[in-house]
Amino acid sequence: MVSNGVELVYGGGRLGLMGLVADSVLELGGKVYGVIPDALVDLEVAHTG
């Protein structure tokens, strides 16, 4: 994704496969946009990157 200039827009969680994808994109210098409801942020499952 990063090498092709594709930005990631996803559910904003830090757990599971999407959390790993977000981590990888960030580590490679890509842009990540997480969209997550406040209720899940309060449960501490939001990605902090």
C-alpha atoms as a PDB file:
ATOM      1  CA  MET A   1       0.000   0.000   0.000  1.00  0.00           C
ATOM      2  CA  VAL A   2       2.649   2.479   1.043  1.00  0.00           C
ATOM      3  CA  SER A   3       4.864   1.902  -1.976  1.00  0.00           C
ATOM      4  CA  ASN A   4       1.853   2.543  -4.231  1.00  0.00           C
ATOM      5  CA  GLY A   5       0.803   5.711  -2.390  1.00  0.00           C
ATOM      6  CA  VAL A   6      -2.392   4.156  -1.039  1.00  0.00           C
ATOM      7  CA  GLU A   7      -3.651   5.576   2.264  1.00  0.00           C
ATOM      8  CA  LEU A   8      -5.471   3.328   4.751  1.00  0.00           C
ATOM      9  CA  VAL A   9      -8.945   4.231   6.020  1.00  0.00           C
ATOM     10  CA  TYR A  10     -10.287   1.655   8.472  1.00  0.00           C
ATOM     11  CA  GLY A  11     -12.307   1.122  11.633  1.00  0.00           C
ATOM     12  CA  GLY A  12      -9.666   2.537  13.971  1.00  0.00           C
ATOM     13  CA  GLY A  13      -9.084  -0.481  16.210  1.00  0.00           C
ATOM     14  CA  ARG A  14      -5.727  -1.635  17.525  1.00  0.00           C
ATOM     15  CA  LEU A  15      -6.653  -5.309  17.902  1.00  0.00           C
ATOM     16  CA  GLY A  16      -6.639  -8.114  15.359  1.00  0.00           C
ATOM     17  CA  LEU A  17      -5.696  -8.099  11.712  1.00  0.00           C
ATOM     18  CA  MET A  18      -6.633  -4.490  11.022  1.00  0.00           C
ATOM     19  CA  GLY A  19      -4.522  -3.318  13.956  1.00  0.00           C
ATOM     20  CA  LEU A  20      -1.571  -5.178  12.462  1.00  0.00           C
ATOM     21  CA  VAL A  21      -2.206  -3.678   9.030  1.00  0.00           C
ATOM     22  CA  ALA A  22      -2.387  -0.182  10.541  1.00  0.00           C
ATOM     23  CA  ASP A  23       0.865  -0.768  12.453  1.00  0.00           C
ATOM     24  CA  SER A  24       2.618  -1.946   9.293  1.00  0.00           C
ATOM     25  CA  VAL A  25       1.443   0.993   7.196  1.00  0.00           C
ATOM     26  CA  LEU A  26       2.538   3.439   9.904  1.00  0.00           C
ATOM     27  CA  GLU A  27       5.937   1.755  10.319  1.00  0.00           C
ATOM     28  CA  LEU A  28       6.536   2.121   6.585  1.00  0.00           C
ATOM     29  CA  GLY A  29       5.687   5.821   6.688  1.00  0.00           C
ATOM     30  CA  GLY A  30       2.190   5.618   5.233  1.00  0.00           C
ATOM     31  CA  LYS A  31      -0.908   7.522   6.226  1.00  0.00           C
ATOM     32  CA  VAL A  32      -3.628   5.845   8.292  1.00  0.00           C
ATOM     33  CA  TYR A  33      -7.064   7.222   9.131  1.00  0.00           C
ATOM     34  CA  GLY A  34      -9.072   5.437  11.793  1.00  0.00           C
ATOM     35  CA  VAL A  35     -12.806   5.998  12.209  1.00  0.00           C
ATOM     36  CA  ILE A  36     -14.093   4.661  15.523  1.00  0.00           C
ATOM     37  CA  PRO A  37     -17.103   5.366  17.763  1.00  0.00           C
ATOM     38  CA  ASP A  38     -16.427   7.094  21.082  1.00  0.00           C
ATOM     39  CA  ALA A  39     -17.819   4.075  22.940  1.00  0.00           C
ATOM     40  CA  LEU A  40     -14.979   1.907  21.616  1.00  0.00           C
ATOM     41  CA  VAL A  41     -12.383   4.573  22.393  1.00  0.00           C
ATOM     42  CA  ASP A  42     -13.657   4.517  25.988  1.00  0.00           C
ATOM     43  CA  LEU A  43     -13.142   0.721  26.047  1.00  0.00           C
ATOM     44  CA  GLU A  44      -9.488   1.299  25.072  1.00  0.00           C
ATOM     45  CA  VAL A  45      -9.599  -0.616  21.807  1.00  0.00           C
ATOM     46  CA  ALA A  46      -8.730   2.396  19.633  1.00  0.00           C
ATOM     47  CA  HIS A  47      -5.399   2.499  17.833  1.00  0.00           C
ATOM     48  CA  THR A  48      -3.286   5.298  19.306  1.00  0.00           C
ATOM     49  CA  GLY A  49      -0.960   5.715  16.326  1.00  0.00           C
END
